[in-house]
Amino acid sequence: MHTSVRPTEPERVKPRGLQRSPAVLLDPERSAALSENLLTEILALQSAEQATTWATVALKHKNSLTAANAKQVEDAFDRRLLALAPLEQTTNDTTAVPVIPAQERSRRTA
């Protein structure tokens, strides 16, 4: 009896820099305190570029919040991006693309 052997697909491995450790969820009290700090930082953001830089650092912290606190931070960040979008557009740049927060993008694709 002849059985054919098919080569297996290579195992998909994330590049070393993209491997994530599981998020540790904070207790509600610590989550609320961290959430307040993140919300204060969001209010201080002055540009979309600054917001992008902040988000790359803050994401790991946001992921340790309770679901309710994380949602508050996400919503506040989306609102801040909307507020910053008009500031990013100049009268000379007619090709500016507005920043669309994740919440709005999901509504548009639904």
C-alpha atoms as a PDB file:
ATOM      1  CA  MET A   1       0.000   0.000   0.000  1.00  0.00           C
ATOM      2  CA  HIS A   2       1.428   3.337  -1.074  1.00  0.00           C
ATOM      3  CA  THR A   3       0.554   6.451   0.882  1.00  0.00           C
ATOM      4  CA  SER A   4       1.597   9.823  -0.267  1.00  0.00           C
ATOM      5  CA  VAL A   5       3.119  12.149   2.269  1.00  0.00           C
ATOM      6  CA  ARG A   6       2.359  15.812   1.835  1.00  0.00           C
ATOM      7  CA  PRO A   7       4.788  18.305   3.224  1.00  0.00           C
ATOM      8  CA  THR A   8       3.362  20.199   6.148  1.00  0.00           C
ATOM      9  CA  GLU A   9       3.042  23.943   6.046  1.00  0.00           C
ATOM     10  CA  PRO A  10       5.671  25.754   8.039  1.00  0.00           C
ATOM     11  CA  GLU A  11       4.551  26.758  11.487  1.00  0.00           C
ATOM     12  CA  ARG A  12       3.676  30.398  11.619  1.00  0.00           C
ATOM     13  CA  VAL A  13       5.910  32.113  14.100  1.00  0.00           C
ATOM     14  CA  LYS A  14       5.660  35.752  15.058  1.00  0.00           C
ATOM     15  CA  PRO A  15       8.842  37.735  14.640  1.00  0.00           C
ATOM     16  CA  ARG A  16      10.637  38.061  17.938  1.00  0.00           C
ATOM     17  CA  GLY A  17       9.735  41.719  18.435  1.00  0.00           C
ATOM     18  CA  LEU A  18       6.005  41.066  17.968  1.00  0.00           C
ATOM     19  CA  GLN A  19       5.549  38.376  20.595  1.00  0.00           C
ATOM     20  CA  ARG A  20       3.253  39.536  23.344  1.00  0.00           C
ATOM     21  CA  SER A  21       3.102  38.466  26.912  1.00  0.00           C
ATOM     22  CA  PRO A  22      -0.408  37.998  28.250  1.00  0.00           C
ATOM     23  CA  ALA A  23      -1.890  41.121  29.822  1.00  0.00           C
ATOM     24  CA  VAL A  24      -2.296  41.118  33.569  1.00  0.00           C
ATOM     25  CA  LEU A  25      -5.641  42.581  34.560  1.00  0.00           C
ATOM     26  CA  LEU A  26      -5.622  45.005  37.441  1.00  0.00           C
ATOM     27  CA  ASP A  27      -8.063  44.898  40.309  1.00  0.00           C
ATOM     28  CA  PRO A  28     -10.912  47.448  39.940  1.00  0.00           C
ATOM     29  CA  GLU A  29      -9.354  50.031  42.274  1.00  0.00           C
ATOM     30  CA  ARG A  30      -5.946  50.028  40.571  1.00  0.00           C
ATOM     31  CA  SER A  31      -7.630  49.922  37.159  1.00  0.00           C
ATOM     32  CA  ALA A  32      -9.651  53.032  37.997  1.00  0.00           C
ATOM     33  CA  ALA A  33      -6.529  54.880  39.156  1.00  0.00           C
ATOM     34  CA  LEU A  34      -4.574  53.972  36.012  1.00  0.00           C
ATOM     35  CA  SER A  35      -7.583  54.853  33.870  1.00  0.00           C
ATOM     36  CA  GLU A  36      -7.702  58.335  35.424  1.00  0.00           C
ATOM     37  CA  ASN A  37      -3.994  58.818  34.684  1.00  0.00           C
ATOM     38  CA  LEU A  38      -4.459  57.743  31.060  1.00  0.00           C
ATOM     39  CA  LEU A  39      -7.492  60.027  30.663  1.00  0.00           C
ATOM     40  CA  THR A  40      -5.467  62.969  31.985  1.00  0.00           C
ATOM     41  CA  GLU A  41      -2.671  62.167  29.519  1.00  0.00           C
ATOM     42  CA  ILE A  42      -5.174  61.992  26.648  1.00  0.00           C
ATOM     43  CA  LEU A  43      -6.438  65.488  27.433  1.00  0.00           C
ATOM     44  CA  ALA A  44      -2.871  66.793  27.220  1.00  0.00           C
ATOM     45  CA  LEU A  45      -2.286  65.474  23.680  1.00  0.00           C
ATOM     46  CA  GLN A  46      -1.674  68.380  21.281  1.00  0.00           C
ATOM     47  CA  SER A  47      -1.367  66.664  17.870  1.00  0.00           C
ATOM     48  CA  ALA A  48      -2.283  63.493  16.018  1.00  0.00           C
ATOM     49  CA  GLU A  49       1.419  62.635  15.840  1.00  0.00           C
ATOM     50  CA  GLN A  50       1.757  63.008  19.592  1.00  0.00           C
ATOM     51  CA  ALA A  51      -1.390  60.892  20.030  1.00  0.00           C
ATOM     52  CA  THR A  52       0.104  58.131  17.888  1.00  0.00           C
ATOM     53  CA  THR A  53       3.291  58.110  19.909  1.00  0.00           C
ATOM     54  CA  TRP A  54       1.333  58.120  23.160  1.00  0.00           C
ATOM     55  CA  ALA A  55      -0.910  55.260  21.998  1.00  0.00           C
ATOM     56  CA  THR A  56       2.025  52.966  21.218  1.00  0.00           C
ATOM     57  CA  VAL A  57       3.256  53.308  24.779  1.00  0.00           C
ATOM     58  CA  ALA A  58      -0.126  53.449  26.526  1.00  0.00           C
ATOM     59  CA  LEU A  59      -1.653  50.432  24.769  1.00  0.00           C
ATOM     60  CA  LYS A  60      -0.008  47.883  27.051  1.00  0.00           C
ATOM     61  CA  HIS A  61      -1.268  49.801  30.078  1.00  0.00           C
ATOM     62  CA  LYS A  62      -4.774  50.133  28.649  1.00  0.00           C
ATOM     63  CA  ASN A  63      -4.851  46.382  28.090  1.00  0.00           C
ATOM     64  CA  SER A  64      -4.443  45.800  31.834  1.00  0.00           C
ATOM     65  CA  LEU A  65      -7.590  47.794  32.685  1.00  0.00           C
ATOM     66  CA  THR A  66     -10.983  46.340  33.444  1.00  0.00           C
ATOM     67  CA  ALA A  67     -13.261  46.252  30.399  1.00  0.00           C
ATOM     68  CA  ALA A  68     -15.258  49.285  31.559  1.00  0.00           C
ATOM     69  CA  ASN A  69     -12.143  51.380  32.233  1.00  0.00           C
ATOM     70  CA  ALA A  70     -10.550  50.329  28.942  1.00  0.00           C
ATOM     71  CA  LYS A  71     -13.706  51.392  27.086  1.00  0.00           C
ATOM     72  CA  GLN A  72     -13.593  54.818  28.782  1.00  0.00           C
ATOM     73  CA  VAL A  73      -9.979  55.291  27.700  1.00  0.00           C
ATOM     74  CA  GLU A  74     -10.715  54.152  24.123  1.00  0.00           C
ATOM     75  CA  ASP A  75     -13.699  56.488  23.852  1.00  0.00           C
ATOM     76  CA  ALA A  76     -11.745  59.439  25.273  1.00  0.00           C
ATOM     77  CA  PHE A  77      -8.878  58.766  22.850  1.00  0.00           C
ATOM     78  CA  ASP A  78     -11.303  58.619  19.901  1.00  0.00           C
ATOM     79  CA  ARG A  79     -12.890  61.921  20.971  1.00  0.00           C
ATOM     80  CA  ARG A  80      -9.448  63.509  21.326  1.00  0.00           C
ATOM     81  CA  LEU A  81      -8.448  62.372  17.830  1.00  0.00           C
ATOM     82  CA  LEU A  82     -11.617  63.926  16.452  1.00  0.00           C
ATOM     83  CA  ALA A  83     -10.820  67.170  18.236  1.00  0.00           C
ATOM     84  CA  LEU A  84      -7.246  67.138  16.929  1.00  0.00           C
ATOM     85  CA  ALA A  85      -8.167  66.265  13.314  1.00  0.00           C
ATOM     86  CA  PRO A  86      -9.213  69.825  12.331  1.00  0.00           C
ATOM     87  CA  LEU A  87      -5.991  71.153  13.866  1.00  0.00           C
ATOM     88  CA  GLU A  88      -3.961  68.826  11.644  1.00  0.00           C
ATOM     89  CA  GLN A  89      -5.514  70.146   8.436  1.00  0.00           C
ATOM     90  CA  THR A  90      -4.132  73.333   6.984  1.00  0.00           C
ATOM     91  CA  THR A  91      -5.715  75.646   4.465  1.00  0.00           C
ATOM     92  CA  ASN A  92      -2.946  74.823   1.976  1.00  0.00           C
ATOM     93  CA  ASP A  93      -3.405  71.065   2.199  1.00  0.00           C
ATOM     94  CA  THR A  94      -6.505  70.042   0.274  1.00  0.00           C
ATOM     95  CA  THR A  95      -5.477  66.369   0.319  1.00  0.00           C
ATOM     96  CA  ALA A  96      -5.647  65.968   4.098  1.00  0.00           C
ATOM     97  CA  VAL A  97      -7.357  62.781   5.186  1.00  0.00           C
ATOM     98  CA  PRO A  98      -9.307  63.015   8.426  1.00  0.00           C
ATOM     99  CA  VAL A  99      -8.504  60.562  11.201  1.00  0.00           C
ATOM    100  CA  ILE A 100     -11.472  58.255  11.721  1.00  0.00           C
ATOM    101  CA  PRO A 101     -11.597  56.646  15.190  1.00  0.00           C
ATOM    102  CA  ALA A 102     -12.072  52.888  15.423  1.00  0.00           C
ATOM    103  CA  GLN A 103     -15.604  53.249  16.764  1.00  0.00           C
ATOM    104  CA  GLU A 104     -16.674  55.313  13.755  1.00  0.00           C
ATOM    105  CA  ARG A 105     -14.880  52.998  11.284  1.00  0.00           C
ATOM    106  CA  SER A 106     -16.770  49.996  12.638  1.00  0.00           C
ATOM    107  CA  ARG A 107     -20.094  51.823  12.178  1.00  0.00           C
ATOM    108  CA  ARG A 108     -19.237  52.654   8.591  1.00  0.00           C
ATOM    109  CA  THR A 109     -18.335  49.076   7.676  1.00  0.00           C
ATOM    110  CA  ALA A 110     -21.344  47.509   9.388  1.00  0.00           C
END
